[in-house]
């Protein structure tokens, strides 16, 4: 989900089933680059969260 505000952007995306990633960026954000890169960032964060779960 993303929203454009008067001075920038707010993006929210799920990181696995336990977390949300919220990005607040100014109006200079390269939205195309952000959309290209966010999947890899979310995947990395999910790996860290999964490693944090104790059995």
C-alpha atoms as a PDB file:
ATOM      1  CA  UNK A   1       0.000   0.000   0.000  1.00  0.00           C
ATOM      2  CA  UNK A   2       1.287   3.459  -0.758  1.00  0.00           C
ATOM      3  CA  UNK A   3      -0.043   6.956  -0.355  1.00  0.00           C
ATOM      4  CA  UNK A   4       1.221  10.212  -1.800  1.00  0.00           C
ATOM      5  CA  UNK A   5       1.023  13.097   0.620  1.00  0.00           C
ATOM      6  CA  UNK A   6       1.630  16.791   0.148  1.00  0.00           C
ATOM      7  CA  UNK A   7       5.319  16.471   0.986  1.00  0.00           C
ATOM      8  CA  UNK A   8       6.145  12.873   0.076  1.00  0.00           C
ATOM      9  CA  UNK A   9       5.117   9.251   0.302  1.00  0.00           C
ATOM     10  CA  UNK A  10       4.126   6.677   2.900  1.00  0.00           C
ATOM     11  CA  UNK A  11       4.482   2.990   1.975  1.00  0.00           C
ATOM     12  CA  UNK A  12       3.404   0.021   4.075  1.00  0.00           C
ATOM     13  CA  UNK A  13       4.195  -3.594   3.252  1.00  0.00           C
ATOM     14  CA  UNK A  14       3.992  -6.885   5.144  1.00  0.00           C
ATOM     15  CA  UNK A  15       7.182  -8.621   6.214  1.00  0.00           C
ATOM     16  CA  UNK A  16       6.109 -12.214   6.607  1.00  0.00           C
ATOM     17  CA  UNK A  17       3.182 -12.747   8.932  1.00  0.00           C
ATOM     18  CA  UNK A  18       4.679 -10.983  11.975  1.00  0.00           C
ATOM     19  CA  UNK A  19       5.671  -7.485  10.934  1.00  0.00           C
ATOM     20  CA  UNK A  20       4.995  -4.451   8.811  1.00  0.00           C
ATOM     21  CA  UNK A  21       7.567  -2.243   7.141  1.00  0.00           C
ATOM     22  CA  UNK A  22       6.607   1.423   6.947  1.00  0.00           C
ATOM     23  CA  UNK A  23       8.672   3.755   4.794  1.00  0.00           C
ATOM     24  CA  UNK A  24       8.178   7.518   4.949  1.00  0.00           C
ATOM     25  CA  UNK A  25       9.997   9.362   2.180  1.00  0.00           C
ATOM     26  CA  UNK A  26      10.144  12.906   0.906  1.00  0.00           C
ATOM     27  CA  UNK A  27       8.883  13.957  -2.503  1.00  0.00           C
ATOM     28  CA  UNK A  28      12.321  13.255  -4.030  1.00  0.00           C
ATOM     29  CA  UNK A  29      11.817   9.492  -3.745  1.00  0.00           C
ATOM     30  CA  UNK A  30      12.498   7.557  -6.942  1.00  0.00           C
ATOM     31  CA  UNK A  31       9.315   5.496  -6.745  1.00  0.00           C
ATOM     32  CA  UNK A  32      10.283   3.203  -9.646  1.00  0.00           C
ATOM     33  CA  UNK A  33      13.593   2.314  -7.951  1.00  0.00           C
ATOM     34  CA  UNK A  34      11.834   1.821  -4.636  1.00  0.00           C
ATOM     35  CA  UNK A  35       9.373  -0.630  -6.199  1.00  0.00           C
ATOM     36  CA  UNK A  36      12.253  -2.513  -7.870  1.00  0.00           C
ATOM     37  CA  UNK A  37      14.212  -2.895  -4.625  1.00  0.00           C
ATOM     38  CA  UNK A  38      11.568  -3.356  -1.935  1.00  0.00           C
ATOM     39  CA  UNK A  39      11.007  -7.091  -2.549  1.00  0.00           C
ATOM     40  CA  UNK A  40      14.669  -7.882  -1.797  1.00  0.00           C
ATOM     41  CA  UNK A  41      14.577  -5.739   1.344  1.00  0.00           C
ATOM     42  CA  UNK A  42      11.393  -7.417   2.586  1.00  0.00           C
ATOM     43  CA  UNK A  43      12.882 -10.851   1.892  1.00  0.00           C
ATOM     44  CA  UNK A  44      16.017 -10.008   3.897  1.00  0.00           C
ATOM     45  CA  UNK A  45      13.997  -8.639   6.801  1.00  0.00           C
ATOM     46  CA  UNK A  46      11.795 -11.756   6.785  1.00  0.00           C
ATOM     47  CA  UNK A  47      14.910 -13.953   7.013  1.00  0.00           C
ATOM     48  CA  UNK A  48      16.082 -12.010  10.056  1.00  0.00           C
ATOM     49  CA  UNK A  49      12.675 -12.273  11.700  1.00  0.00           C
ATOM     50  CA  UNK A  50      12.459 -16.019  10.975  1.00  0.00           C
ATOM     51  CA  UNK A  51      15.934 -16.539  12.468  1.00  0.00           C
ATOM     52  CA  UNK A  52      14.761 -14.759  15.613  1.00  0.00           C
ATOM     53  CA  UNK A  53      12.004 -17.318  16.284  1.00  0.00           C
ATOM     54  CA  UNK A  54      13.000 -19.878  18.891  1.00  0.00           C
ATOM     55  CA  UNK A  55      11.725 -23.436  18.622  1.00  0.00           C
END
